[in-house]
Amino acid sequence: MASDKKFMFESIQDNNSIRNFLDALVDGFEKGRIVLSTDADEIVMTPCGLLNFEVKAKKKGGESKISIKVGWKEYGLDSGPSVKDIKVES
């Protein structure tokens, strides 16, 4: 049985730094291996099969927020929610 592990990181970044992080994340999904680390902590994840994908966006007052959540079962495939399309424009 896999051990439970949590990783948390929060900071203030500029657009370019966040884009670089997201590019590295995309690369990790393509390779099937994502490693997140800081000086004090590290977690290795292996996304595979069908993944649960959730996007939330909110504007309130002068603040905006986008939350992206991706989840999967480490072993075996999960039928989970149906496959749907999302459009992102810039």
Protein backbone atom coordinates (compact mmCIF):
# COMPACT_ATOMS: atom_id res chain seq x y z
CA MET A 1 0.00 0.00 0.00
CA ALA A 2 1.34 3.45 -0.91
CA SER A 3 2.13 5.83 1.92
CA ASP A 4 0.30 9.14 2.20
CA LYS A 5 2.32 12.20 1.25
CA LYS A 6 1.40 15.86 0.87
CA PHE A 7 3.30 18.65 -0.83
CA MET A 8 2.43 22.34 -0.51
CA PHE A 9 4.04 25.38 -2.08
CA GLU A 10 2.77 28.95 -2.19
CA SER A 11 4.50 32.13 -3.32
CA ILE A 12 4.15 35.30 -5.36
CA GLN A 13 5.35 34.81 -8.97
CA ASP A 14 5.29 36.83 -12.19
CA ASN A 15 3.48 35.64 -15.35
CA ASN A 16 6.67 34.30 -16.94
CA SER A 17 7.60 32.19 -13.89
CA ILE A 18 4.12 30.67 -13.75
CA ARG A 19 4.20 29.95 -17.49
CA ASN A 20 7.55 28.16 -17.05
CA PHE A 21 6.08 26.10 -14.20
CA LEU A 22 3.02 25.18 -16.30
CA ASP A 23 5.28 24.26 -19.26
CA ALA A 24 7.28 21.94 -16.98
CA LEU A 25 4.03 20.45 -15.69
CA VAL A 26 2.84 19.77 -19.26
CA ASP A 27 6.19 18.10 -19.98
CA GLY A 28 5.72 15.93 -16.88
CA PHE A 29 2.25 14.83 -18.03
CA GLU A 30 3.68 13.94 -21.45
CA LYS A 31 6.46 11.88 -19.85
CA GLY A 32 4.18 10.31 -17.21
CA ARG A 33 6.32 11.55 -14.31
CA ILE A 34 6.02 14.78 -12.32
CA VAL A 35 8.49 15.68 -9.58
CA LEU A 36 7.67 18.64 -7.32
CA SER A 37 10.33 19.74 -4.88
CA THR A 38 11.60 22.47 -2.60
CA ASP A 39 14.73 22.52 -0.46
CA ALA A 40 12.85 20.69 2.28
CA ASP A 41 10.35 18.45 0.49
CA GLU A 42 9.77 16.36 -2.65
CA ILE A 43 6.95 14.34 -4.16
CA VAL A 44 7.06 12.16 -7.29
CA MET A 45 3.79 11.52 -9.13
CA THR A 46 3.03 9.28 -12.11
CA PRO A 47 -0.10 10.41 -13.96
CA CYS A 48 -1.57 7.70 -16.15
CA GLY A 49 -4.82 6.47 -17.62
CA LEU A 50 -7.89 8.67 -17.44
CA LEU A 51 -7.44 11.73 -15.25
CA ASN A 52 -10.10 13.75 -13.46
CA PHE A 53 -9.76 17.39 -14.60
CA GLU A 54 -11.42 20.37 -12.90
CA VAL A 55 -11.12 24.10 -13.66
CA LYS A 56 -12.69 26.88 -11.59
CA ALA A 57 -12.46 30.60 -12.31
CA LYS A 58 -13.73 33.44 -10.13
CA LYS A 59 -13.70 37.22 -10.16
CA LYS A 60 -14.71 39.05 -7.00
CA GLY A 61 -14.11 42.73 -6.53
CA GLY A 62 -10.59 43.46 -7.73
CA GLU A 63 -9.34 39.88 -7.34
CA SER A 64 -9.31 37.06 -9.90
CA LYS A 65 -8.54 33.41 -9.33
CA ILE A 66 -8.09 30.29 -11.48
CA SER A 67 -7.91 26.89 -9.79
CA ILE A 68 -6.84 23.80 -11.72
CA LYS A 69 -7.19 20.37 -10.19
CA VAL A 70 -6.02 17.09 -11.75
CA GLY A 71 -6.43 13.73 -10.05
CA TRP A 72 -5.96 10.05 -10.90
CA LYS A 73 -5.66 6.62 -9.39
CA GLU A 74 -2.05 5.46 -9.16
CA TYR A 75 -2.99 1.84 -9.84
CA GLY A 76 -5.66 0.76 -12.30
CA LEU A 77 -8.10 2.79 -14.32
CA ASP A 78 -11.05 4.58 -12.81
CA SER A 79 -14.17 5.05 -14.92
CA GLY A 80 -14.81 8.36 -13.11
CA PRO A 81 -16.67 11.27 -14.69
CA SER A 82 -17.29 11.38 -18.43
CA VAL A 83 -14.78 12.87 -20.87
CA LYS A 84 -15.69 16.46 -21.79
CA ASP A 85 -14.05 19.26 -23.76
CA ILE A 86 -13.00 22.67 -22.47
CA LYS A 87 -11.88 25.66 -24.51
CA VAL A 88 -9.14 28.02 -23.31
CA GLU A 89 -8.52 31.26 -25.19
CA SER A 90 -5.91 33.94 -24.76
